[in-house]
Amino acid sequence: MAKQKGPNIRNRPNGRAIALNPVNVTMSQTESEILRKVLLPILGLLIFALAFGGNASAQLLDPADLHVGTGAGTNCPLGCAGDPNTISATGFDIYYNPNTHSSQLPIGDPFYLIIATPVYAGSTNSPTVGGTATMYAPYPGGTTSTVSVGGAVPSTGGEMTSGDLYANIGLGPFANNSFQFVNMVACDIGTTGGSGCPNSGLQGSNAPLFGDNITGFDVFTFSIGTTTFAPNDLLDFTGNLPVGSYVAAIGVDYSALGGKGEAWAVPFTESGIVTNTNVPEPSSFMLLGAGLLALAALSGRRLLTA
């Protein structure tokens, strides 16, 4: 499309129109070209970085069957072996990692999404999850369908103050005993050292609840309405989770393997921990601010030149 040229006049405050100097018009057009060809693409890159520049870790997959990821279409939907993985409060997913450590059958019934919210002075412990999830079979590029998600059901084990997350909901024998209370607290408050959080990005003041005294976790299960969730499939959820919450999942098929039963569970290494509420970090604001200042400076120069 040909570039449209503006009129070669300017209005004075008294309402009279005057002709612009042709030299000034040429300079103004040159500044406009600089704005269009150089600065606007830079601002586009800044906006892209703000939108997708979260956790840049490679998608390292461990032998676990189920991983918690950052959501379909994001930078880490398959889980990043973050130990635990950092996720947002409003979007996350469960991915079925294909491996040789299980039968690779579709996950049976019951199949639960699990949310554990930290208890501390002033905490909010009422997580919400959307009533439906989108299932990709497989992910990416597969067909999509809608799966029902039940409401929050408090764990029969009461407030979790020790032990294992899956034991708290009565399914301890089916898990690997890695989802321990001490690990959960360590990554929420940023404990360092030998018994500290294994994710170095969550140590010290980088932890979501650094400085708080966590006394326990309120645990909730949400039933997932599918029995066809198979290897390479992904379930994409929406919700509103308190900062510091953990996301996990477990499915059990009591009739599998000749009646011996089989379970699929998220280990602590591939669980999700809510570290923010989708508010850009200060560095992101600085990047955007720098771009806007550059745009304002060039625009001002155009006006002065004209």
C-alpha atoms as a PDB file:
ATOM      1  CA  MET A   1       0.000   0.000   0.000  1.00  0.00           C
ATOM      2  CA  ALA A   2       1.380   3.440  -0.931  1.00  0.00           C
ATOM      3  CA  LYS A   3       2.183   5.730   1.950  1.00  0.00           C
ATOM      4  CA  GLN A   4      -0.360   8.551   2.305  1.00  0.00           C
ATOM      5  CA  LYS A   5       1.105  12.027   2.586  1.00  0.00           C
ATOM      6  CA  GLY A   6      -0.478  14.596   4.858  1.00  0.00           C
ATOM      7  CA  PRO A   7      -1.435  18.131   3.713  1.00  0.00           C
ATOM      8  CA  ASN A   8       1.406  20.620   3.347  1.00  0.00           C
ATOM      9  CA  ILE A   9      -0.134  23.139   5.774  1.00  0.00           C
ATOM     10  CA  ARG A  10      -0.188  23.755   9.514  1.00  0.00           C
ATOM     11  CA  ASN A  11      -2.813  25.620  11.563  1.00  0.00           C
ATOM     12  CA  ARG A  12      -1.644  28.401  13.834  1.00  0.00           C
ATOM     13  CA  PRO A  13      -3.415  29.078  17.145  1.00  0.00           C
ATOM     14  CA  ASN A  14      -5.174  32.099  15.542  1.00  0.00           C
ATOM     15  CA  GLY A  15      -6.741  29.790  12.997  1.00  0.00           C
ATOM     16  CA  ARG A  16      -4.693  30.867   9.979  1.00  0.00           C
ATOM     17  CA  ALA A  17      -3.081  28.269   7.819  1.00  0.00           C
ATOM     18  CA  ILE A  18       0.522  28.630   6.697  1.00  0.00           C
ATOM     19  CA  ALA A  19       2.557  26.677   4.189  1.00  0.00           C
ATOM     20  CA  LEU A  20       5.262  24.439   5.604  1.00  0.00           C
ATOM     21  CA  ASN A  21       8.858  24.748   4.513  1.00  0.00           C
ATOM     22  CA  PRO A  22       9.539  21.928   1.995  1.00  0.00           C
ATOM     23  CA  VAL A  23      12.830  21.187   3.782  1.00  0.00           C
ATOM     24  CA  ASN A  24      10.981  20.659   7.040  1.00  0.00           C
ATOM     25  CA  VAL A  25       8.480  18.415   5.304  1.00  0.00           C
ATOM     26  CA  THR A  26      11.310  16.233   3.975  1.00  0.00           C
ATOM     27  CA  MET A  27      12.911  15.977   7.423  1.00  0.00           C
ATOM     28  CA  SER A  28       9.556  15.137   8.979  1.00  0.00           C
ATOM     29  CA  GLN A  29       9.048  12.369   6.458  1.00  0.00           C
ATOM     30  CA  THR A  30      12.550  11.047   7.222  1.00  0.00           C
ATOM     31  CA  GLU A  31      11.771  10.940  10.943  1.00  0.00           C
ATOM     32  CA  SER A  32       8.555   9.110  10.145  1.00  0.00           C
ATOM     33  CA  GLU A  33      10.495   6.489   8.199  1.00  0.00           C
ATOM     34  CA  ILE A  34      12.840   5.998  11.166  1.00  0.00           C
ATOM     35  CA  LEU A  35       9.849   5.609  13.470  1.00  0.00           C
ATOM     36  CA  ARG A  36       8.194   3.062  11.196  1.00  0.00           C
ATOM     37  CA  LYS A  37      11.228   0.995  10.227  1.00  0.00           C
ATOM     38  CA  VAL A  38      13.321   1.019  13.414  1.00  0.00           C
ATOM     39  CA  LEU A  39      11.545   1.950  16.613  1.00  0.00           C
ATOM     40  CA  LEU A  40       8.200   0.251  16.073  1.00  0.00           C
ATOM     41  CA  PRO A  41       9.769  -3.199  15.457  1.00  0.00           C
ATOM     42  CA  ILE A  42      11.830  -2.732  18.636  1.00  0.00           C
ATOM     43  CA  LEU A  43       8.685  -1.956  20.614  1.00  0.00           C
ATOM     44  CA  GLY A  44       7.074  -5.017  19.076  1.00  0.00           C
ATOM     45  CA  LEU A  45       9.927  -7.177  20.347  1.00  0.00           C
ATOM     46  CA  LEU A  46       9.581  -5.652  23.819  1.00  0.00           C
ATOM     47  CA  ILE A  47       5.872  -6.424  23.915  1.00  0.00           C
ATOM     48  CA  PHE A  48       6.557  -9.991  22.723  1.00  0.00           C
ATOM     49  CA  ALA A  49       9.156 -10.402  25.484  1.00  0.00           C
ATOM     50  CA  LEU A  50       6.667  -9.218  28.100  1.00  0.00           C
ATOM     51  CA  ALA A  51       4.014 -11.620  26.871  1.00  0.00           C
ATOM     52  CA  PHE A  52       6.148 -14.737  26.482  1.00  0.00           C
ATOM     53  CA  GLY A  53       9.357 -14.079  28.358  1.00  0.00           C
ATOM     54  CA  GLY A  54       8.605 -16.025  31.523  1.00  0.00           C
ATOM     55  CA  ASN A  55      10.478 -19.134  32.536  1.00  0.00           C
ATOM     56  CA  ALA A  56      12.921 -19.763  29.663  1.00  0.00           C
ATOM     57  CA  SER A  57      14.026 -23.188  30.867  1.00  0.00           C
ATOM     58  CA  ALA A  58      14.259 -26.054  28.409  1.00  0.00           C
ATOM     59  CA  GLN A  59      11.430 -28.580  28.594  1.00  0.00           C
ATOM     60  CA  LEU A  60      13.343 -31.314  30.438  1.00  0.00           C
ATOM     61  CA  LEU A  61      11.085 -34.288  31.039  1.00  0.00           C
ATOM     62  CA  ASP A  62      11.669 -36.719  33.890  1.00  0.00           C
ATOM     63  CA  PRO A  63      10.242 -40.271  34.101  1.00  0.00           C
ATOM     64  CA  ALA A  64       7.058 -39.129  35.868  1.00  0.00           C
ATOM     65  CA  ASP A  65       3.783 -39.820  34.072  1.00  0.00           C
ATOM     66  CA  LEU A  66       2.109 -36.500  34.898  1.00  0.00           C
ATOM     67  CA  HIS A  67       3.660 -33.027  34.728  1.00  0.00           C
ATOM     68  CA  VAL A  68       2.263 -29.616  35.606  1.00  0.00           C
ATOM     69  CA  GLY A  69       2.954 -27.042  32.895  1.00  0.00           C
ATOM     70  CA  THR A  70       2.372 -23.353  32.306  1.00  0.00           C
ATOM     71  CA  GLY A  71      -0.606 -23.838  29.982  1.00  0.00           C
ATOM     72  CA  ALA A  72      -1.236 -24.722  26.350  1.00  0.00           C
ATOM     73  CA  GLY A  73       0.542 -22.399  23.949  1.00  0.00           C
ATOM     74  CA  THR A  74       2.953 -21.048  26.584  1.00  0.00           C
ATOM     75  CA  ASN A  75       6.709 -21.514  26.895  1.00  0.00           C
ATOM     76  CA  CYS A  76       6.603 -24.606  29.110  1.00  0.00           C
ATOM     77  CA  PRO A  77       3.392 -26.616  28.653  1.00  0.00           C
ATOM     78  CA  LEU A  78       5.063 -30.022  29.114  1.00  0.00           C
ATOM     79  CA  GLY A  79       6.687 -29.197  32.453  1.00  0.00           C
ATOM     80  CA  CYS A  80      10.261 -27.970  32.876  1.00  0.00           C
ATOM     81  CA  ALA A  81      11.530 -30.186  35.729  1.00  0.00           C
ATOM     82  CA  GLY A  82      11.763 -27.009  37.784  1.00  0.00           C
ATOM     83  CA  ASP A  83      11.439 -28.915  41.068  1.00  0.00           C
ATOM     84  CA  PRO A  84       8.813 -27.401  41.288  1.00  0.00           C
ATOM     85  CA  ASN A  85       7.651 -25.611  38.102  1.00  0.00           C
ATOM     86  CA  THR A  86       6.547 -22.003  38.459  1.00  0.00           C
ATOM     87  CA  ILE A  87       3.057 -21.260  37.115  1.00  0.00           C
ATOM     88  CA  SER A  88       0.608 -18.364  37.147  1.00  0.00           C
ATOM     89  CA  ALA A  89      -2.486 -18.088  39.290  1.00  0.00           C
ATOM     90  CA  THR A  90      -4.906 -18.159  36.371  1.00  0.00           C
ATOM     91  CA  GLY A  91      -3.680 -20.749  33.861  1.00  0.00           C
ATOM     92  CA  PHE A  92      -1.843 -24.102  33.980  1.00  0.00           C
ATOM     93  CA  ASP A  93      -2.011 -27.602  32.530  1.00  0.00           C
ATOM     94  CA  ILE A  94      -1.525 -31.308  33.237  1.00  0.00           C
ATOM     95  CA  TYR A  95       0.533 -33.205  30.641  1.00  0.00           C
ATOM     96  CA  TYR A  96       0.738 -37.011  30.305  1.00  0.00           C
ATOM     97  CA  ASN A  97       4.421 -37.696  29.752  1.00  0.00           C
ATOM     98  CA  PRO A  98       5.027 -40.862  27.687  1.00  0.00           C
ATOM     99  CA  ASN A  99       7.659 -43.118  29.270  1.00  0.00           C
ATOM    100  CA  THR A 100       8.486 -46.737  30.000  1.00  0.00           C
ATOM    101  CA  HIS A 101       7.797 -46.592  33.742  1.00  0.00           C
ATOM    102  CA  SER A 102       4.084 -47.360  33.524  1.00  0.00           C
ATOM    103  CA  SER A 103       1.622 -49.302  31.380  1.00  0.00           C
ATOM    104  CA  GLN A 104       0.840 -46.109  29.407  1.00  0.00           C
ATOM    105  CA  LEU A 105      -2.851 -46.892  29.619  1.00  0.00           C
ATOM    106  CA  PRO A 106      -5.405 -44.064  29.662  1.00  0.00           C
ATOM    107  CA  ILE A 107      -5.813 -42.669  33.153  1.00  0.00           C
ATOM    108  CA  GLY A 108      -8.645 -44.230  35.081  1.00  0.00           C
ATOM    109  CA  ASP A 109     -11.312 -43.088  37.493  1.00  0.00           C
ATOM    110  CA  PRO A 110     -10.920 -41.424  39.972  1.00  0.00           C
ATOM    111  CA  PHE A 111      -8.808 -38.710  38.362  1.00  0.00           C
ATOM    112  CA  TYR A 112      -8.182 -35.640  40.517  1.00  0.00           C
ATOM    113  CA  LEU A 113      -6.675 -32.206  40.114  1.00  0.00           C
ATOM    114  CA  ILE A 114      -5.199 -31.265  43.503  1.00  0.00           C
ATOM    115  CA  ILE A 115      -4.678 -27.736  44.832  1.00  0.00           C
ATOM    116  CA  ALA A 116      -2.860 -27.180  48.148  1.00  0.00           C
ATOM    117  CA  THR A 117      -3.074 -23.616  49.476  1.00  0.00           C
ATOM    118  CA  PRO A 118      -0.645 -22.401  52.180  1.00  0.00           C
ATOM    119  CA  VAL A 119      -2.006 -21.367  55.569  1.00  0.00           C
ATOM    120  CA  TYR A 120      -0.370 -18.337  57.224  1.00  0.00           C
ATOM    121  CA  ALA A 121      -1.460 -15.092  58.856  1.00  0.00           C
ATOM    122  CA  GLY A 122      -3.781 -13.312  56.437  1.00  0.00           C
ATOM    123  CA  SER A 123      -3.827 -16.141  53.861  1.00  0.00           C
ATOM    124  CA  THR A 124      -6.680 -16.741  51.418  1.00  0.00           C
ATOM    125  CA  ASN A 125      -7.526 -20.419  51.076  1.00  0.00           C
ATOM    126  CA  SER A 126     -10.350 -20.563  48.555  1.00  0.00           C
ATOM    127  CA  PRO A 127      -8.944 -21.692  45.192  1.00  0.00           C
ATOM    128  CA  THR A 128     -11.243 -21.703  42.178  1.00  0.00           C
ATOM    129  CA  VAL A 129     -10.869 -23.736  38.988  1.00  0.00           C
ATOM    130  CA  GLY A 130     -12.933 -23.347  35.827  1.00  0.00           C
ATOM    131  CA  GLY A 131     -15.801 -25.814  35.401  1.00  0.00           C
ATOM    132  CA  THR A 132     -14.309 -27.153  32.177  1.00  0.00           C
ATOM    133  CA  ALA A 133     -10.826 -27.893  30.854  1.00  0.00           C
ATOM    134  CA  THR A 134      -9.664 -28.202  27.258  1.00  0.00           C
ATOM    135  CA  MET A 135      -8.118 -31.558  26.379  1.00  0.00           C
ATOM    136  CA  TYR A 136      -5.614 -31.801  23.521  1.00  0.00           C
ATOM    137  CA  ALA A 137      -5.245 -35.361  22.194  1.00  0.00           C
ATOM    138  CA  PRO A 138      -2.361 -35.330  21.542  1.00  0.00           C
ATOM    139  CA  TYR A 139      -0.529 -32.090  22.292  1.00  0.00           C
ATOM    140  CA  PRO A 140       0.318 -30.165  20.232  1.00  0.00           C
ATOM    141  CA  GLY A 141      -1.709 -30.379  17.069  1.00  0.00           C
ATOM    142  CA  GLY A 142      -4.277 -32.926  18.162  1.00  0.00           C
ATOM    143  CA  THR A 143      -8.025 -32.718  18.376  1.00  0.00           C
ATOM    144  CA  THR A 144      -9.515 -30.693  21.212  1.00  0.00           C
ATOM    145  CA  SER A 145     -12.475 -31.508  23.418  1.00  0.00           C
ATOM    146  CA  THR A 146     -14.073 -30.136  26.550  1.00  0.00           C
ATOM    147  CA  VAL A 147     -13.746 -32.022  29.826  1.00  0.00           C
ATOM    148  CA  SER A 148     -15.808 -31.285  32.933  1.00  0.00           C
ATOM    149  CA  VAL A 149     -14.092 -30.295  36.175  1.00  0.00           C
ATOM    150  CA  GLY A 150     -15.874 -30.750  39.487  1.00  0.00           C
ATOM    151  CA  GLY A 151     -16.010 -28.230  42.306  1.00  0.00           C
ATOM    152  CA  ALA A 152     -13.524 -27.963  45.162  1.00  0.00           C
ATOM    153  CA  VAL A 153     -13.770 -30.776  47.725  1.00  0.00           C
ATOM    154  CA  PRO A 154     -11.759 -30.327  50.944  1.00  0.00           C
ATOM    155  CA  SER A 155      -9.435 -33.217  51.736  1.00  0.00           C
ATOM    156  CA  THR A 156     -10.717 -35.750  54.232  1.00  0.00           C
ATOM    157  CA  GLY A 157      -7.274 -35.577  55.861  1.00  0.00           C
ATOM    158  CA  GLY A 158      -7.890 -32.026  57.087  1.00  0.00           C
ATOM    159  CA  GLU A 159      -5.213 -29.347  57.122  1.00  0.00           C
ATOM    160  CA  MET A 160      -1.897 -30.820  56.002  1.00  0.00           C
ATOM    161  CA  THR A 161       0.785 -30.099  58.606  1.00  0.00           C
ATOM    162  CA  SER A 162       3.204 -32.965  57.880  1.00  0.00           C
ATOM    163  CA  GLY A 163       3.729 -36.000  55.691  1.00  0.00           C
ATOM    164  CA  ASP A 164       2.848 -36.507  52.034  1.00  0.00           C
ATOM    165  CA  LEU A 165       0.266 -34.664  49.914  1.00  0.00           C
ATOM    166  CA  TYR A 166      -1.244 -37.837  48.430  1.00  0.00           C
ATOM    167  CA  ALA A 167      -1.453 -39.484  51.840  1.00  0.00           C
ATOM    168  CA  ASN A 168      -3.473 -36.464  52.975  1.00  0.00           C
ATOM    169  CA  ILE A 169      -6.204 -37.264  50.424  1.00  0.00           C
ATOM    170  CA  GLY A 170      -6.111 -41.011  51.167  1.00  0.00           C
ATOM    171  CA  LEU A 171      -4.103 -42.130  48.125  1.00  0.00           C
ATOM    172  CA  GLY A 172      -0.653 -42.365  49.686  1.00  0.00           C
ATOM    173  CA  PRO A 173      -0.018 -46.024  48.739  1.00  0.00           C
ATOM    174  CA  PHE A 174      -0.343 -45.114  45.059  1.00  0.00           C
ATOM    175  CA  ALA A 175       2.271 -42.303  45.062  1.00  0.00           C
ATOM    176  CA  ASN A 176       6.062 -42.198  45.417  1.00  0.00           C
ATOM    177  CA  ASN A 177       6.131 -40.253  48.708  1.00  0.00           C
ATOM    178  CA  SER A 178       8.040 -37.305  47.193  1.00  0.00           C
ATOM    179  CA  PHE A 179       5.407 -34.639  47.771  1.00  0.00           C
ATOM    180  CA  GLN A 180       6.423 -33.868  51.346  1.00  0.00           C
ATOM    181  CA  PHE A 181       5.196 -31.037  53.565  1.00  0.00           C
ATOM    182  CA  VAL A 182       8.749 -29.912  54.336  1.00  0.00           C
ATOM    183  CA  ASN A 183       9.531 -29.533  50.614  1.00  0.00           C
ATOM    184  CA  MET A 184       6.383 -27.519  50.040  1.00  0.00           C
ATOM    185  CA  VAL A 185       7.147 -25.098  52.851  1.00  0.00           C
ATOM    186  CA  ALA A 186      10.799 -24.757  51.780  1.00  0.00           C
ATOM    187  CA  CYS A 187       9.912 -23.528  48.286  1.00  0.00           C
ATOM    188  CA  ASP A 188       7.112 -21.259  49.493  1.00  0.00           C
ATOM    189  CA  ILE A 189       9.310 -19.366  51.963  1.00  0.00           C
ATOM    190  CA  GLY A 190      12.662 -19.727  50.165  1.00  0.00           C
ATOM    191  CA  THR A 191      14.602 -21.981  52.519  1.00  0.00           C
ATOM    192  CA  THR A 192      18.215 -22.456  51.431  1.00  0.00           C
ATOM    193  CA  GLY A 193      20.883 -25.003  52.351  1.00  0.00           C
ATOM    194  CA  GLY A 194      20.778 -28.785  52.453  1.00  0.00           C
ATOM    195  CA  SER A 195      17.064 -29.013  53.257  1.00  0.00           C
ATOM    196  CA  GLY A 196      16.148 -25.957  51.234  1.00  0.00           C
ATOM    197  CA  CYS A 197      14.108 -25.577  48.073  1.00  0.00           C
ATOM    198  CA  PRO A 198      15.743 -27.511  45.196  1.00  0.00           C
ATOM    199  CA  ASN A 199      14.650 -24.811  42.736  1.00  0.00           C
ATOM    200  CA  SER A 200      17.339 -22.133  43.106  1.00  0.00           C
ATOM    201  CA  GLY A 201      15.019 -19.576  41.509  1.00  0.00           C
ATOM    202  CA  LEU A 202      12.717 -19.880  44.541  1.00  0.00           C
ATOM    203  CA  GLN A 203      15.319 -19.478  47.268  1.00  0.00           C
ATOM    204  CA  GLY A 204      15.565 -16.514  49.617  1.00  0.00           C
ATOM    205  CA  SER A 205      13.605 -13.398  48.717  1.00  0.00           C
ATOM    206  CA  ASN A 206      12.655 -14.928  45.343  1.00  0.00           C
ATOM    207  CA  ALA A 207      10.191 -17.231  47.092  1.00  0.00           C
ATOM    208  CA  PRO A 208       6.504 -16.329  46.705  1.00  0.00           C
ATOM    209  CA  LEU A 209       5.892 -16.175  50.479  1.00  0.00           C
ATOM    210  CA  PHE A 210       9.310 -15.137  51.727  1.00  0.00           C
ATOM    211  CA  GLY A 211       9.023 -13.902  55.325  1.00  0.00           C
ATOM    212  CA  ASP A 212       5.711 -15.622  56.080  1.00  0.00           C
ATOM    213  CA  ASN A 213       5.225 -18.390  58.646  1.00  0.00           C
ATOM    214  CA  ILE A 214       3.393 -21.276  56.985  1.00  0.00           C
ATOM    215  CA  THR A 215       1.631 -23.533  59.480  1.00  0.00           C
ATOM    216  CA  GLY A 216      -0.065 -25.901  57.051  1.00  0.00           C
ATOM    217  CA  PHE A 217      -1.810 -26.400  53.707  1.00  0.00           C
ATOM    218  CA  ASP A 218      -5.508 -26.627  52.966  1.00  0.00           C
ATOM    219  CA  VAL A 219      -5.875 -29.328  50.304  1.00  0.00           C
ATOM    220  CA  PHE A 220      -8.696 -29.519  47.757  1.00  0.00           C
ATOM    221  CA  THR A 221      -9.485 -32.069  45.052  1.00  0.00           C
ATOM    222  CA  PHE A 222     -11.330 -31.374  41.789  1.00  0.00           C
ATOM    223  CA  SER A 223     -12.625 -34.402  39.872  1.00  0.00           C
ATOM    224  CA  ILE A 224     -11.618 -34.509  36.184  1.00  0.00           C
ATOM    225  CA  GLY A 225     -14.328 -35.985  33.964  1.00  0.00           C
ATOM    226  CA  THR A 226     -12.415 -38.158  31.526  1.00  0.00           C
ATOM    227  CA  THR A 227     -11.146 -41.734  31.342  1.00  0.00           C
ATOM    228  CA  THR A 228      -9.407 -41.295  27.964  1.00  0.00           C
ATOM    229  CA  PHE A 229      -6.461 -39.111  29.017  1.00  0.00           C
ATOM    230  CA  ALA A 230      -3.531 -40.881  27.336  1.00  0.00           C
ATOM    231  CA  PRO A 231       0.206 -40.371  26.706  1.00  0.00           C
ATOM    232  CA  ASN A 232       1.036 -37.044  24.988  1.00  0.00           C
ATOM    233  CA  ASP A 233      -2.372 -35.604  25.919  1.00  0.00           C
ATOM    234  CA  LEU A 234      -2.711 -32.287  27.742  1.00  0.00           C
ATOM    235  CA  LEU A 235      -5.462 -30.807  29.912  1.00  0.00           C
ATOM    236  CA  ASP A 236      -5.543 -27.005  29.977  1.00  0.00           C
ATOM    237  CA  PHE A 237      -7.121 -25.373  33.055  1.00  0.00           C
ATOM    238  CA  THR A 238      -8.119 -21.875  34.093  1.00  0.00           C
ATOM    239  CA  GLY A 239      -8.725 -20.657  37.617  1.00  0.00           C
ATOM    240  CA  ASN A 240      -7.782 -18.288  40.378  1.00  0.00           C
ATOM    241  CA  LEU A 241      -5.279 -19.728  42.836  1.00  0.00           C
ATOM    242  CA  PRO A 242      -3.703 -18.047  45.875  1.00  0.00           C
ATOM    243  CA  VAL A 243      -0.003 -17.226  45.630  1.00  0.00           C
ATOM    244  CA  GLY A 244       2.104 -20.064  47.023  1.00  0.00           C
ATOM    245  CA  SER A 245      -0.419 -22.758  46.073  1.00  0.00           C
ATOM    246  CA  TYR A 246       0.751 -26.111  44.728  1.00  0.00           C
ATOM    247  CA  VAL A 247      -0.870 -27.909  41.781  1.00  0.00           C
ATOM    248  CA  ALA A 248      -0.724 -31.692  41.386  1.00  0.00           C
ATOM    249  CA  ALA A 249      -2.866 -34.508  40.009  1.00  0.00           C
ATOM    250  CA  ILE A 250      -3.416 -38.228  40.473  1.00  0.00           C
ATOM    251  CA  GLY A 251      -5.415 -40.879  38.664  1.00  0.00           C
ATOM    252  CA  VAL A 252      -6.089 -44.420  39.848  1.00  0.00           C
ATOM    253  CA  ASP A 253      -7.365 -47.464  37.973  1.00  0.00           C
ATOM    254  CA  TYR A 254      -8.116 -50.125  40.561  1.00  0.00           C
ATOM    255  CA  SER A 255      -8.815 -52.782  37.915  1.00  0.00           C
ATOM    256  CA  ALA A 256      -5.623 -52.310  35.890  1.00  0.00           C
ATOM    257  CA  LEU A 257      -2.789 -54.832  35.711  1.00  0.00           C
ATOM    258  CA  GLY A 258      -4.947 -57.823  36.469  1.00  0.00           C
ATOM    259  CA  GLY A 259      -6.603 -56.230  39.465  1.00  0.00           C
ATOM    260  CA  LYS A 260      -3.374 -55.046  41.064  1.00  0.00           C
ATOM    261  CA  GLY A 261      -4.286 -51.448  40.283  1.00  0.00           C
ATOM    262  CA  GLU A 262      -2.205 -48.654  38.828  1.00  0.00           C
ATOM    263  CA  ALA A 263      -1.818 -44.954  39.561  1.00  0.00           C
ATOM    264  CA  TRP A 264      -0.456 -41.933  37.743  1.00  0.00           C
ATOM    265  CA  ALA A 265       0.686 -38.998  39.874  1.00  0.00           C
ATOM    266  CA  VAL A 266       2.585 -35.709  39.669  1.00  0.00           C
ATOM    267  CA  PRO A 267       5.817 -35.865  41.714  1.00  0.00           C
ATOM    268  CA  PHE A 268       7.099 -32.806  43.554  1.00  0.00           C
ATOM    269  CA  THR A 269       9.775 -32.289  40.857  1.00  0.00           C
ATOM    270  CA  GLU A 270       7.088 -31.720  38.217  1.00  0.00           C
ATOM    271  CA  SER A 271       4.431 -30.047  40.365  1.00  0.00           C
ATOM    272  CA  GLY A 272       3.346 -26.441  39.910  1.00  0.00           C
ATOM    273  CA  ILE A 273       3.798 -23.589  42.375  1.00  0.00           C
ATOM    274  CA  VAL A 274       1.968 -20.277  41.958  1.00  0.00           C
ATOM    275  CA  THR A 275       4.489 -17.462  42.145  1.00  0.00           C
ATOM    276  CA  ASN A 276       2.457 -14.499  40.871  1.00  0.00           C
ATOM    277  CA  THR A 277      -0.955 -13.247  39.874  1.00  0.00           C
ATOM    278  CA  ASN A 278       0.004 -12.307  36.302  1.00  0.00           C
ATOM    279  CA  VAL A 279       1.403  -8.909  37.323  1.00  0.00           C
ATOM    280  CA  PRO A 280       4.484  -7.981  35.207  1.00  0.00           C
ATOM    281  CA  GLU A 281       7.785  -7.920  37.080  1.00  0.00           C
ATOM    282  CA  PRO A 282       9.490  -4.530  37.684  1.00  0.00           C
ATOM    283  CA  SER A 283      12.083  -5.349  35.016  1.00  0.00           C
ATOM    284  CA  SER A 284       9.263  -5.826  32.525  1.00  0.00           C
ATOM    285  CA  PHE A 285       7.876  -2.402  33.362  1.00  0.00           C
ATOM    286  CA  MET A 286      11.359  -0.928  32.880  1.00  0.00           C
ATOM    287  CA  LEU A 287      11.687  -2.490  29.426  1.00  0.00           C
ATOM    288  CA  LEU A 288       8.303  -1.206  28.344  1.00  0.00           C
ATOM    289  CA  GLY A 289       8.987   2.219  29.856  1.00  0.00           C
ATOM    290  CA  ALA A 290      12.286   2.509  28.017  1.00  0.00           C
ATOM    291  CA  GLY A 291      10.593   1.754  24.714  1.00  0.00           C
ATOM    292  CA  LEU A 292       7.834   4.275  25.335  1.00  0.00           C
ATOM    293  CA  LEU A 293      10.364   6.954  26.294  1.00  0.00           C
ATOM    294  CA  ALA A 294      12.268   6.338  23.074  1.00  0.00           C
ATOM    295  CA  LEU A 295       9.043   6.648  21.102  1.00  0.00           C
ATOM    296  CA  ALA A 296       8.157   9.888  22.887  1.00  0.00           C
ATOM    297  CA  ALA A 297      11.629  11.334  22.275  1.00  0.00           C
ATOM    298  CA  LEU A 298      11.534  10.613  18.568  1.00  0.00           C
ATOM    299  CA  SER A 299       7.993  11.932  18.266  1.00  0.00           C
ATOM    300  CA  GLY A 300       9.056  15.132  20.044  1.00  0.00           C
ATOM    301  CA  ARG A 301      11.989  15.517  17.696  1.00  0.00           C
ATOM    302  CA  ARG A 302       9.642  15.225  14.750  1.00  0.00           C
ATOM    303  CA  LEU A 303       7.493  18.048  16.087  1.00  0.00           C
ATOM    304  CA  LEU A 304      10.472  20.299  16.737  1.00  0.00           C
ATOM    305  CA  THR A 305      11.872  19.621  13.275  1.00  0.00           C
ATOM    306  CA  ALA A 306       8.521  20.381  11.700  1.00  0.00           C
END
